[in-house]
Amino acid sequence: MKNMFIFLMFIAICAIAYHDLTDGTIHTIRSQTTVKQTNDLPYREVTVQRGDTLLSIIEREMNGKLPVSIDQLITDFQALNPHVNAHSLQAGKTYRIPHYKQK
């Protein structure tokens, strides 16, 4: 019985590791190549992948450097996406993400 349990745990760990390596931890951004502008605020339309947050998307686009404060980022995001909570993005949905110029 103990050997069967150990074997099942080994299979579960292998399945979890395989999933993380193939689907769970590799993130890609699918976005339009053009930058659009609304109310003097340029944005990109980004389809959120599993594990993405607003901050991780901006940091990835800006190579780790956030050009504005987090509060300003959230304010800009919510101006572009009314009725959307910046803290609960859903994977697979497309949102307007503020596009800041690199300094």
PDB file of N, CA and C in Angstrom:
ATOM      1  N   MET A   1       0.824  -1.195   0.000  1.00  0.00           N
ATOM      2  CA  MET A   1       0.000   0.000   0.000  1.00  0.00           C
ATOM      3  C   MET A   1       0.873   1.265   0.000  1.00  0.00           C
ATOM      4  N   LYS A   2       1.948   1.208   0.799  1.00  0.00           N
ATOM      5  CA  LYS A   2       2.848   2.346   0.883  1.00  0.00           C
ATOM      6  C   LYS A   2       3.545   2.582  -0.460  1.00  0.00           C
ATOM      7  N   ASN A   3       3.938   1.511  -1.119  1.00  0.00           N
ATOM      8  CA  ASN A   3       4.588   1.639  -2.429  1.00  0.00           C
ATOM      9  C   ASN A   3       3.637   2.226  -3.468  1.00  0.00           C
ATOM     10  N   MET A   4       2.376   1.848  -3.423  1.00  0.00           N
ATOM     11  CA  MET A   4       1.377   2.370  -4.352  1.00  0.00           C
ATOM     12  C   MET A   4       1.199   3.874  -4.139  1.00  0.00           C
ATOM     13  N   PHE A   5       1.158   4.297  -2.897  1.00  0.00           N
ATOM     14  CA  PHE A   5       1.029   5.723  -2.585  1.00  0.00           C
ATOM     15  C   PHE A   5       2.235   6.500  -3.102  1.00  0.00           C
ATOM     16  N   ILE A   6       3.424   5.988  -2.877  1.00  0.00           N
ATOM     17  CA  ILE A   6       4.641   6.649  -3.354  1.00  0.00           C
ATOM     18  C   ILE A   6       4.638   6.731  -4.879  1.00  0.00           C
ATOM     19  N   PHE A   7       4.223   5.661  -5.542  1.00  0.00           N
ATOM     20  CA  PHE A   7       4.150   5.652  -6.996  1.00  0.00           C
ATOM     21  C   PHE A   7       3.153   6.704  -7.504  1.00  0.00           C
ATOM     22  N   LEU A   8       1.994   6.793  -6.882  1.00  0.00           N
ATOM     23  CA  LEU A   8       0.984   7.784  -7.295  1.00  0.00           C
ATOM     24  C   LEU A   8       1.477   9.214  -7.052  1.00  0.00           C
ATOM     25  N   MET A   9       2.179   9.438  -5.959  1.00  0.00           N
ATOM     26  CA  MET A   9       2.750  10.756  -5.683  1.00  0.00           C
ATOM     27  C   MET A   9       3.798  11.116  -6.733  1.00  0.00           C
ATOM     28  N   PHE A  10       4.614  10.140  -7.124  1.00  0.00           N
ATOM     29  CA  PHE A  10       5.624  10.367  -8.156  1.00  0.00           C
ATOM     30  C   PHE A  10       4.966  10.741  -9.482  1.00  0.00           C
ATOM     31  N   ILE A  11       3.915  10.042  -9.857  1.00  0.00           N
ATOM     32  CA  ILE A  11       3.188  10.341 -11.096  1.00  0.00           C
ATOM     33  C   ILE A  11       2.584  11.741 -11.022  1.00  0.00           C
ATOM     34  N   ALA A  12       2.002  12.112  -9.899  1.00  0.00           N
ATOM     35  CA  ALA A  12       1.394  13.438  -9.740  1.00  0.00           C
ATOM     36  C   ALA A  12       2.452  14.534  -9.847  1.00  0.00           C
ATOM     37  N   ILE A  13       3.588  14.341  -9.216  1.00  0.00           N
ATOM     38  CA  ILE A  13       4.668  15.340  -9.280  1.00  0.00           C
ATOM     39  C   ILE A  13       5.181  15.478 -10.706  1.00  0.00           C
ATOM     40  N   CYS A  14       5.337  14.378 -11.409  1.00  0.00           N
ATOM     41  CA  CYS A  14       5.781  14.436 -12.806  1.00  0.00           C
ATOM     42  C   CYS A  14       4.757  15.167 -13.676  1.00  0.00           C
ATOM     43  N   ALA A  15       3.473  14.903 -13.459  1.00  0.00           N
ATOM     44  CA  ALA A  15       2.423  15.567 -14.243  1.00  0.00           C
ATOM     45  C   ALA A  15       2.415  17.070 -13.972  1.00  0.00           C
ATOM     46  N   ILE A  16       2.576  17.464 -12.726  1.00  0.00           N
ATOM     47  CA  ILE A  16       2.608  18.880 -12.374  1.00  0.00           C
ATOM     48  C   ILE A  16       3.835  19.555 -12.982  1.00  0.00           C
ATOM     49  N   ALA A  17       4.970  18.926 -12.903  1.00  0.00           N
ATOM     50  CA  ALA A  17       6.194  19.497 -13.485  1.00  0.00           C
ATOM     51  C   ALA A  17       6.058  19.630 -14.992  1.00  0.00           C
ATOM     52  N   TYR A  18       5.503  18.621 -15.652  1.00  0.00           N
ATOM     53  CA  TYR A  18       5.302  18.685 -17.100  1.00  0.00           C
ATOM     54  C   TYR A  18       4.384  19.844 -17.463  1.00  0.00           C
ATOM     55  N   HIS A  19       3.300  19.993 -16.730  1.00  0.00           N
ATOM     56  CA  HIS A  19       2.360  21.094 -16.996  1.00  0.00           C
ATOM     57  C   HIS A  19       3.033  22.447 -16.806  1.00  0.00           C
ATOM     58  N   ASP A  20       3.786  22.610 -15.751  1.00  0.00           N
ATOM     59  CA  ASP A  20       4.475  23.885 -15.504  1.00  0.00           C
ATOM     60  C   ASP A  20       5.485  24.198 -16.602  1.00  0.00           C
ATOM     61  N   LEU A  21       6.190  23.202 -17.068  1.00  0.00           N
ATOM     62  CA  LEU A  21       7.200  23.433 -18.092  1.00  0.00           C
ATOM     63  C   LEU A  21       6.601  23.689 -19.470  1.00  0.00           C
ATOM     64  N   THR A  22       5.450  23.105 -19.760  1.00  0.00           N
ATOM     65  CA  THR A  22       4.877  23.267 -21.094  1.00  0.00           C
ATOM     66  C   THR A  22       3.841  24.380 -21.181  1.00  0.00           C
ATOM     67  N   ASP A  23       2.999  24.546 -20.182  1.00  0.00           N
ATOM     68  CA  ASP A  23       1.903  25.512 -20.263  1.00  0.00           C
ATOM     69  C   ASP A  23       1.901  26.553 -19.161  1.00  0.00           C
ATOM     70  N   GLY A  24       2.247  26.168 -17.967  1.00  0.00           N
ATOM     71  CA  GLY A  24       1.977  27.004 -16.804  1.00  0.00           C
ATOM     72  C   GLY A  24       2.905  28.168 -16.557  1.00  0.00           C
ATOM     73  N   THR A  25       4.153  28.077 -16.939  1.00  0.00           N
ATOM     74  CA  THR A  25       5.077  29.143 -16.551  1.00  0.00           C
ATOM     75  C   THR A  25       5.648  29.917 -17.728  1.00  0.00           C
ATOM     76  N   ILE A  26       5.334  29.517 -18.935  1.00  0.00           N
ATOM     77  CA  ILE A  26       5.814  30.247 -20.101  1.00  0.00           C
ATOM     78  C   ILE A  26       4.715  31.187 -20.551  1.00  0.00           C
ATOM     79  N   HIS A  27       4.989  32.486 -20.480  1.00  0.00           N
ATOM     80  CA  HIS A  27       3.978  33.481 -20.802  1.00  0.00           C
ATOM     81  C   HIS A  27       4.325  34.171 -22.113  1.00  0.00           C
ATOM     82  N   THR A  28       3.308  34.410 -22.903  1.00  0.00           N
ATOM     83  CA  THR A  28       3.489  35.178 -24.125  1.00  0.00           C
ATOM     84  C   THR A  28       2.461  36.293 -24.147  1.00  0.00           C
ATOM     85  N   ILE A  29       2.817  37.376 -24.788  1.00  0.00           N
ATOM     86  CA  ILE A  29       1.890  38.487 -24.938  1.00  0.00           C
ATOM     87  C   ILE A  29       1.439  38.515 -26.381  1.00  0.00           C
ATOM     88  N   ARG A  30       0.150  38.470 -26.561  1.00  0.00           N
ATOM     89  CA  ARG A  30      -0.402  38.640 -27.894  1.00  0.00           C
ATOM     90  C   ARG A  30      -1.030  40.014 -27.927  1.00  0.00           C
ATOM     91  N   SER A  31      -0.429  40.906 -28.668  1.00  0.00           N
ATOM     92  CA  SER A  31      -0.956  42.255 -28.713  1.00  0.00           C
ATOM     93  C   SER A  31      -0.874  42.782 -30.126  1.00  0.00           C
ATOM     94  N   GLN A  32      -1.635  43.827 -30.362  1.00  0.00           N
ATOM     95  CA  GLN A  32      -1.577  44.453 -31.664  1.00  0.00           C
ATOM     96  C   GLN A  32      -0.272  45.208 -31.778  1.00  0.00           C
ATOM     97  N   THR A  33       0.209  45.343 -32.996  1.00  0.00           N
ATOM     98  CA  THR A  33       1.495  45.989 -33.189  1.00  0.00           C
ATOM     99  C   THR A  33       1.382  47.504 -33.195  1.00  0.00           C
ATOM    100  N   THR A  34       0.190  48.020 -33.324  1.00  0.00           N
ATOM    101  CA  THR A  34       0.035  49.466 -33.356  1.00  0.00           C
ATOM    102  C   THR A  34      -0.384  49.976 -31.989  1.00  0.00           C
ATOM    103  N   VAL A  35       0.063  51.160 -31.706  1.00  0.00           N
ATOM    104  CA  VAL A  35      -0.319  51.817 -30.465  1.00  0.00           C
ATOM    105  C   VAL A  35      -1.481  52.746 -30.794  1.00  0.00           C
ATOM    106  N   LYS A  36      -2.565  52.584 -30.052  1.00  0.00           N
ATOM    107  CA  LYS A  36      -3.738  53.422 -30.252  1.00  0.00           C
ATOM    108  C   LYS A  36      -3.763  54.484 -29.172  1.00  0.00           C
ATOM    109  N   GLN A  37      -4.603  55.469 -29.371  1.00  0.00           N
ATOM    110  CA  GLN A  37      -4.648  56.550 -28.406  1.00  0.00           C
ATOM    111  C   GLN A  37      -6.104  56.920 -28.122  1.00  0.00           C
ATOM    112  N   THR A  38      -6.428  57.042 -26.843  1.00  0.00           N
ATOM    113  CA  THR A  38      -7.750  57.446 -26.400  1.00  0.00           C
ATOM    114  C   THR A  38      -7.575  58.490 -25.314  1.00  0.00           C
ATOM    115  N   ASN A  39      -8.239  59.616 -25.464  1.00  0.00           N
ATOM    116  CA  ASN A  39      -8.175  60.674 -24.459  1.00  0.00           C
ATOM    117  C   ASN A  39      -6.725  61.030 -24.109  1.00  0.00           C
ATOM    118  N   ASP A  40      -5.889  61.175 -25.118  1.00  0.00           N
ATOM    119  CA  ASP A  40      -4.478  61.528 -24.951  1.00  0.00           C
ATOM    120  C   ASP A  40      -3.687  60.481 -24.177  1.00  0.00           C
ATOM    121  N   LEU A  41      -4.203  59.276 -24.070  1.00  0.00           N
ATOM    122  CA  LEU A  41      -3.499  58.207 -23.371  1.00  0.00           C
ATOM    123  C   LEU A  41      -3.290  57.049 -24.351  1.00  0.00           C
ATOM    124  N   PRO A  42      -2.066  56.853 -24.847  1.00  0.00           N
ATOM    125  CA  PRO A  42      -1.824  55.745 -25.777  1.00  0.00           C
ATOM    126  C   PRO A  42      -1.960  54.405 -25.062  1.00  0.00           C
ATOM    127  N   TYR A  43      -2.401  53.401 -25.812  1.00  0.00           N
ATOM    128  CA  TYR A  43      -2.571  52.079 -25.213  1.00  0.00           C
ATOM    129  C   TYR A  43      -2.303  50.997 -26.243  1.00  0.00           C
ATOM    130  N   ARG A  44      -2.122  49.788 -25.730  1.00  0.00           N
ATOM    131  CA  ARG A  44      -2.003  48.583 -26.550  1.00  0.00           C
ATOM    132  C   ARG A  44      -3.077  47.625 -26.077  1.00  0.00           C
ATOM    133  N   GLU A  45      -3.621  46.856 -26.993  1.00  0.00           N
ATOM    134  CA  GLU A  45      -4.566  45.822 -26.601  1.00  0.00           C
ATOM    135  C   GLU A  45      -3.788  44.538 -26.384  1.00  0.00           C
ATOM    136  N   VAL A  46      -3.888  44.011 -25.180  1.00  0.00           N
ATOM    137  CA  VAL A  46      -3.106  42.835 -24.784  1.00  0.00           C
ATOM    138  C   VAL A  46      -4.062  41.748 -24.311  1.00  0.00           C
ATOM    139  N   THR A  47      -3.853  40.537 -24.810  1.00  0.00           N
ATOM    140  CA  THR A  47      -4.597  39.384 -24.318  1.00  0.00           C
ATOM    141  C   THR A  47      -3.810  38.795 -23.156  1.00  0.00           C
ATOM    142  N   VAL A  48      -4.433  38.757 -22.008  1.00  0.00           N
ATOM    143  CA  VAL A  48      -3.766  38.322 -20.779  1.00  0.00           C
ATOM    144  C   VAL A  48      -3.605  36.806 -20.792  1.00  0.00           C
ATOM    145  N   GLN A  49      -2.406  36.369 -20.437  1.00  0.00           N
ATOM    146  CA  GLN A  49      -2.096  34.947 -20.318  1.00  0.00           C
ATOM    147  C   GLN A  49      -2.143  34.548 -18.846  1.00  0.00           C
ATOM    148  N   ARG A  50      -2.218  33.264 -18.607  1.00  0.00           N
ATOM    149  CA  ARG A  50      -2.272  32.747 -17.247  1.00  0.00           C
ATOM    150  C   ARG A  50      -1.061  33.222 -16.460  1.00  0.00           C
ATOM    151  N   GLY A  51      -1.273  33.772 -15.288  1.00  0.00           N
ATOM    152  CA  GLY A  51      -0.188  34.231 -14.432  1.00  0.00           C
ATOM    153  C   GLY A  51       0.184  35.696 -14.618  1.00  0.00           C
ATOM    154  N   ASP A  52      -0.361  36.346 -15.654  1.00  0.00           N
ATOM    155  CA  ASP A  52      -0.046  37.752 -15.894  1.00  0.00           C
ATOM    156  C   ASP A  52      -0.754  38.659 -14.899  1.00  0.00           C
ATOM    157  N   THR A  53      -0.077  39.731 -14.541  1.00  0.00           N
ATOM    158  CA  THR A  53      -0.689  40.810 -13.773  1.00  0.00           C
ATOM    159  C   THR A  53      -0.443  42.097 -14.553  1.00  0.00           C
ATOM    160  N   LEU A  54      -1.142  43.134 -14.197  1.00  0.00           N
ATOM    161  CA  LEU A  54      -0.944  44.416 -14.866  1.00  0.00           C
ATOM    162  C   LEU A  54       0.512  44.852 -14.736  1.00  0.00           C
ATOM    163  N   LEU A  55       1.059  44.719 -13.566  1.00  0.00           N
ATOM    164  CA  LEU A  55       2.447  45.123 -13.335  1.00  0.00           C
ATOM    165  C   LEU A  55       3.426  44.266 -14.145  1.00  0.00           C
ATOM    166  N   SER A  56       3.192  42.963 -14.205  1.00  0.00           N
ATOM    167  CA  SER A  56       4.117  42.099 -14.956  1.00  0.00           C
ATOM    168  C   SER A  56       4.070  42.399 -16.456  1.00  0.00           C
ATOM    169  N   ILE A  57       2.900  42.737 -16.972  1.00  0.00           N
ATOM    170  CA  ILE A  57       2.784  43.088 -18.397  1.00  0.00           C
ATOM    171  C   ILE A  57       3.560  44.359 -18.688  1.00  0.00           C
ATOM    172  N   ILE A  58       3.371  45.388 -17.868  1.00  0.00           N
ATOM    173  CA  ILE A  58       4.070  46.664 -18.084  1.00  0.00           C
ATOM    174  C   ILE A  58       5.571  46.484 -17.921  1.00  0.00           C
ATOM    175  N   GLU A  59       5.999  45.755 -16.897  1.00  0.00           N
ATOM    176  CA  GLU A  59       7.434  45.551 -16.683  1.00  0.00           C
ATOM    177  C   GLU A  59       8.060  44.779 -17.839  1.00  0.00           C
ATOM    178  N   ARG A  60       7.326  43.831 -18.406  1.00  0.00           N
ATOM    179  CA  ARG A  60       7.847  43.066 -19.540  1.00  0.00           C
ATOM    180  C   ARG A  60       7.986  43.974 -20.764  1.00  0.00           C
ATOM    181  N   GLU A  61       7.011  44.838 -20.998  1.00  0.00           N
ATOM    182  CA  GLU A  61       7.070  45.751 -22.138  1.00  0.00           C
ATOM    183  C   GLU A  61       8.136  46.820 -21.960  1.00  0.00           C
ATOM    184  N   MET A  62       8.381  47.231 -20.725  1.00  0.00           N
ATOM    185  CA  MET A  62       9.333  48.304 -20.452  1.00  0.00           C
ATOM    186  C   MET A  62      10.687  47.760 -19.998  1.00  0.00           C
ATOM    187  N   ASN A  63      10.923  46.478 -20.146  1.00  0.00           N
ATOM    188  CA  ASN A  63      12.176  45.839 -19.732  1.00  0.00           C
ATOM    189  C   ASN A  63      12.468  46.038 -18.253  1.00  0.00           C
ATOM    190  N   GLY A  64      11.440  45.920 -17.416  1.00  0.00           N
ATOM    191  CA  GLY A  64      11.624  45.967 -15.976  1.00  0.00           C
ATOM    192  C   GLY A  64      11.560  47.340 -15.338  1.00  0.00           C
ATOM    193  N   LYS A  65      11.435  48.393 -16.140  1.00  0.00           N
ATOM    194  CA  LYS A  65      11.435  49.746 -15.588  1.00  0.00           C
ATOM    195  C   LYS A  65      10.036  50.338 -15.693  1.00  0.00           C
ATOM    196  N   LEU A  66       9.409  50.569 -14.554  1.00  0.00           N
ATOM    197  CA  LEU A  66       8.075  51.159 -14.525  1.00  0.00           C
ATOM    198  C   LEU A  66       8.212  52.677 -14.604  1.00  0.00           C
ATOM    199  N   PRO A  67       7.716  53.319 -15.689  1.00  0.00           N
ATOM    200  CA  PRO A  67       7.934  54.746 -15.886  1.00  0.00           C
ATOM    201  C   PRO A  67       7.033  55.652 -15.047  1.00  0.00           C
ATOM    202  N   VAL A  68       6.009  55.094 -14.420  1.00  0.00           N
ATOM    203  CA  VAL A  68       5.098  55.874 -13.583  1.00  0.00           C
ATOM    204  C   VAL A  68       4.893  55.131 -12.272  1.00  0.00           C
ATOM    205  N   SER A  69       4.225  55.773 -11.334  1.00  0.00           N
ATOM    206  CA  SER A  69       3.935  55.090 -10.068  1.00  0.00           C
ATOM    207  C   SER A  69       2.865  54.019 -10.304  1.00  0.00           C
ATOM    208  N   ILE A  70       2.812  53.061  -9.401  1.00  0.00           N
ATOM    209  CA  ILE A  70       1.823  51.995  -9.520  1.00  0.00           C
ATOM    210  C   ILE A  70       0.414  52.574  -9.443  1.00  0.00           C
ATOM    211  N   ASP A  71       0.204  53.570  -8.586  1.00  0.00           N
ATOM    212  CA  ASP A  71      -1.111  54.209  -8.491  1.00  0.00           C
ATOM    213  C   ASP A  71      -1.509  54.854  -9.813  1.00  0.00           C
ATOM    214  N   GLN A  72      -0.557  55.500 -10.487  1.00  0.00           N
ATOM    215  CA  GLN A  72      -0.844  56.122 -11.782  1.00  0.00           C
ATOM    216  C   GLN A  72      -1.143  55.056 -12.835  1.00  0.00           C
ATOM    217  N   LEU A  73      -0.411  53.951 -12.788  1.00  0.00           N
ATOM    218  CA  LEU A  73      -0.646  52.848 -13.710  1.00  0.00           C
ATOM    219  C   LEU A  73      -2.067  52.311 -13.556  1.00  0.00           C
ATOM    220  N   ILE A  74      -2.499  52.098 -12.337  1.00  0.00           N
ATOM    221  CA  ILE A  74      -3.845  51.587 -12.079  1.00  0.00           C
ATOM    222  C   ILE A  74      -4.891  52.595 -12.531  1.00  0.00           C
ATOM    223  N   THR A  75      -4.659  53.876 -12.255  1.00  0.00           N
ATOM    224  CA  THR A  75      -5.593  54.930 -12.678  1.00  0.00           C
ATOM    225  C   THR A  75      -5.713  54.955 -14.197  1.00  0.00           C
ATOM    226  N   ASP A  76      -4.581  54.886 -14.898  1.00  0.00           N
ATOM    227  CA  ASP A  76      -4.595  54.894 -16.361  1.00  0.00           C
ATOM    228  C   ASP A  76      -5.297  53.655 -16.908  1.00  0.00           C
ATOM    229  N   PHE A  77      -5.018  52.491 -16.302  1.00  0.00           N
ATOM    230  CA  PHE A  77      -5.655  51.255 -16.746  1.00  0.00           C
ATOM    231  C   PHE A  77      -7.167  51.340 -16.604  1.00  0.00           C
ATOM    232  N   GLN A  78      -7.624  51.844 -15.466  1.00  0.00           N
ATOM    233  CA  GLN A  78      -9.061  51.908 -15.234  1.00  0.00           C
ATOM    234  C   GLN A  78      -9.731  52.973 -16.096  1.00  0.00           C
ATOM    235  N   ALA A  79      -8.976  54.000 -16.500  1.00  0.00           N
ATOM    236  CA  ALA A  79      -9.526  54.986 -17.434  1.00  0.00           C
ATOM    237  C   ALA A  79      -9.731  54.352 -18.812  1.00  0.00           C
ATOM    238  N   LEU A  80      -8.833  53.458 -19.193  1.00  0.00           N
ATOM    239  CA  LEU A  80      -8.947  52.781 -20.482  1.00  0.00           C
ATOM    240  C   LEU A  80      -9.926  51.611 -20.456  1.00  0.00           C
ATOM    241  N   ASN A  81     -10.148  51.047 -19.287  1.00  0.00           N
ATOM    242  CA  ASN A  81     -11.017  49.878 -19.135  1.00  0.00           C
ATOM    243  C   ASN A  81     -12.038  50.136 -18.029  1.00  0.00           C
ATOM    244  N   PRO A  82     -13.065  50.937 -18.321  1.00  0.00           N
ATOM    245  CA  PRO A  82     -14.059  51.215 -17.281  1.00  0.00           C
ATOM    246  C   PRO A  82     -14.726  49.912 -16.806  1.00  0.00           C
ATOM    247  N   HIS A  83     -15.051  49.863 -15.566  1.00  0.00           N
ATOM    248  CA  HIS A  83     -15.750  48.726 -14.953  1.00  0.00           C
ATOM    249  C   HIS A  83     -14.887  47.467 -14.878  1.00  0.00           C
ATOM    250  N   VAL A  84     -13.552  47.621 -14.934  1.00  0.00           N
ATOM    251  CA  VAL A  84     -12.638  46.480 -14.799  1.00  0.00           C
ATOM    252  C   VAL A  84     -11.735  46.756 -13.612  1.00  0.00           C
ATOM    253  N   ASN A  85     -11.608  45.765 -12.741  1.00  0.00           N
ATOM    254  CA  ASN A  85     -10.724  45.878 -11.593  1.00  0.00           C
ATOM    255  C   ASN A  85      -9.308  45.506 -12.031  1.00  0.00           C
ATOM    256  N   ALA A  86      -8.378  46.402 -11.860  1.00  0.00           N
ATOM    257  CA  ALA A  86      -6.992  46.169 -12.294  1.00  0.00           C
ATOM    258  C   ALA A  86      -6.330  45.031 -11.526  1.00  0.00           C
ATOM    259  N   HIS A  87      -6.876  44.669 -10.382  1.00  0.00           N
ATOM    260  CA  HIS A  87      -6.272  43.631  -9.555  1.00  0.00           C
ATOM    261  C   HIS A  87      -6.776  42.235  -9.894  1.00  0.00           C
ATOM    262  N   SER A  88      -7.754  42.133 -10.793  1.00  0.00           N
ATOM    263  CA  SER A  88      -8.295  40.807 -11.108  1.00  0.00           C
ATOM    264  C   SER A  88      -8.478  40.642 -12.612  1.00  0.00           C
ATOM    265  N   LEU A  89      -7.368  40.644 -13.338  1.00  0.00           N
ATOM    266  CA  LEU A  89      -7.407  40.405 -14.770  1.00  0.00           C
ATOM    267  C   LEU A  89      -7.689  38.927 -15.010  1.00  0.00           C
ATOM    268  N   GLN A  90      -8.414  38.647 -16.075  1.00  0.00           N
ATOM    269  CA  GLN A  90      -8.759  37.262 -16.381  1.00  0.00           C
ATOM    270  C   GLN A  90      -7.981  36.781 -17.597  1.00  0.00           C
ATOM    271  N   ALA A  91      -7.391  35.603 -17.471  1.00  0.00           N
ATOM    272  CA  ALA A  91      -6.622  35.018 -18.570  1.00  0.00           C
ATOM    273  C   ALA A  91      -7.537  34.800 -19.769  1.00  0.00           C
ATOM    274  N   GLY A  92      -7.026  35.134 -20.949  1.00  0.00           N
ATOM    275  CA  GLY A  92      -7.782  34.957 -22.180  1.00  0.00           C
ATOM    276  C   GLY A  92      -8.556  36.179 -22.617  1.00  0.00           C
ATOM    277  N   LYS A  93      -8.739  37.136 -21.721  1.00  0.00           N
ATOM    278  CA  LYS A  93      -9.453  38.358 -22.078  1.00  0.00           C
ATOM    279  C   LYS A  93      -8.469  39.411 -22.564  1.00  0.00           C
ATOM    280  N   THR A  94      -8.969  40.304 -23.419  1.00  0.00           N
ATOM    281  CA  THR A  94      -8.147  41.369 -23.969  1.00  0.00           C
ATOM    282  C   THR A  94      -8.478  42.676 -23.268  1.00  0.00           C
ATOM    283  N   TYR A  95      -7.436  43.383 -22.838  1.00  0.00           N
ATOM    284  CA  TYR A  95      -7.595  44.647 -22.140  1.00  0.00           C
ATOM    285  C   TYR A  95      -6.758  45.716 -22.826  1.00  0.00           C
ATOM    286  N   ARG A  96      -7.126  46.956 -22.598  1.00  0.00           N
ATOM    287  CA  ARG A  96      -6.312  48.080 -23.049  1.00  0.00           C
ATOM    288  C   ARG A  96      -5.295  48.384 -21.961  1.00  0.00           C
ATOM    289  N   ILE A  97      -4.040  48.266 -22.314  1.00  0.00           N
ATOM    290  CA  ILE A  97      -2.943  48.480 -21.370  1.00  0.00           C
ATOM    291  C   ILE A  97      -2.264  49.795 -21.735  1.00  0.00           C
ATOM    292  N   PRO A  98      -2.065  50.707 -20.779  1.00  0.00           N
ATOM    293  CA  PRO A  98      -1.400  51.978 -21.101  1.00  0.00           C
ATOM    294  C   PRO A  98      -0.028  51.724 -21.714  1.00  0.00           C
ATOM    295  N   HIS A  99       0.297  52.505 -22.727  1.00  0.00           N
ATOM    296  CA  HIS A  99       1.587  52.379 -23.397  1.00  0.00           C
ATOM    297  C   HIS A  99       2.396  53.628 -23.079  1.00  0.00           C
ATOM    298  N   TYR A 100       3.439  53.459 -22.293  1.00  0.00           N
ATOM    299  CA  TYR A 100       4.289  54.577 -21.885  1.00  0.00           C
ATOM    300  C   TYR A 100       5.541  54.601 -22.747  1.00  0.00           C
ATOM    301  N   LYS A 101       6.007  55.774 -23.061  1.00  0.00           N
ATOM    302  CA  LYS A 101       7.237  55.911 -23.839  1.00  0.00           C
ATOM    303  C   LYS A 101       8.418  55.610 -22.941  1.00  0.00           C
ATOM    304  N   GLN A 102       9.400  54.933 -23.497  1.00  0.00           N
ATOM    305  CA  GLN A 102      10.607  54.653 -22.732  1.00  0.00           C
ATOM    306  C   GLN A 102      11.463  55.888 -22.665  1.00  0.00           C
ATOM    307  N   LYS A 103      12.075  56.098 -21.509  1.00  0.00           N
ATOM    308  CA  LYS A 103      12.891  57.296 -21.302  1.00  0.00           C
ATOM    309  C   LYS A 103      14.331  57.006 -21.581  1.00  0.00           C
TER     310      LYS A 103
END
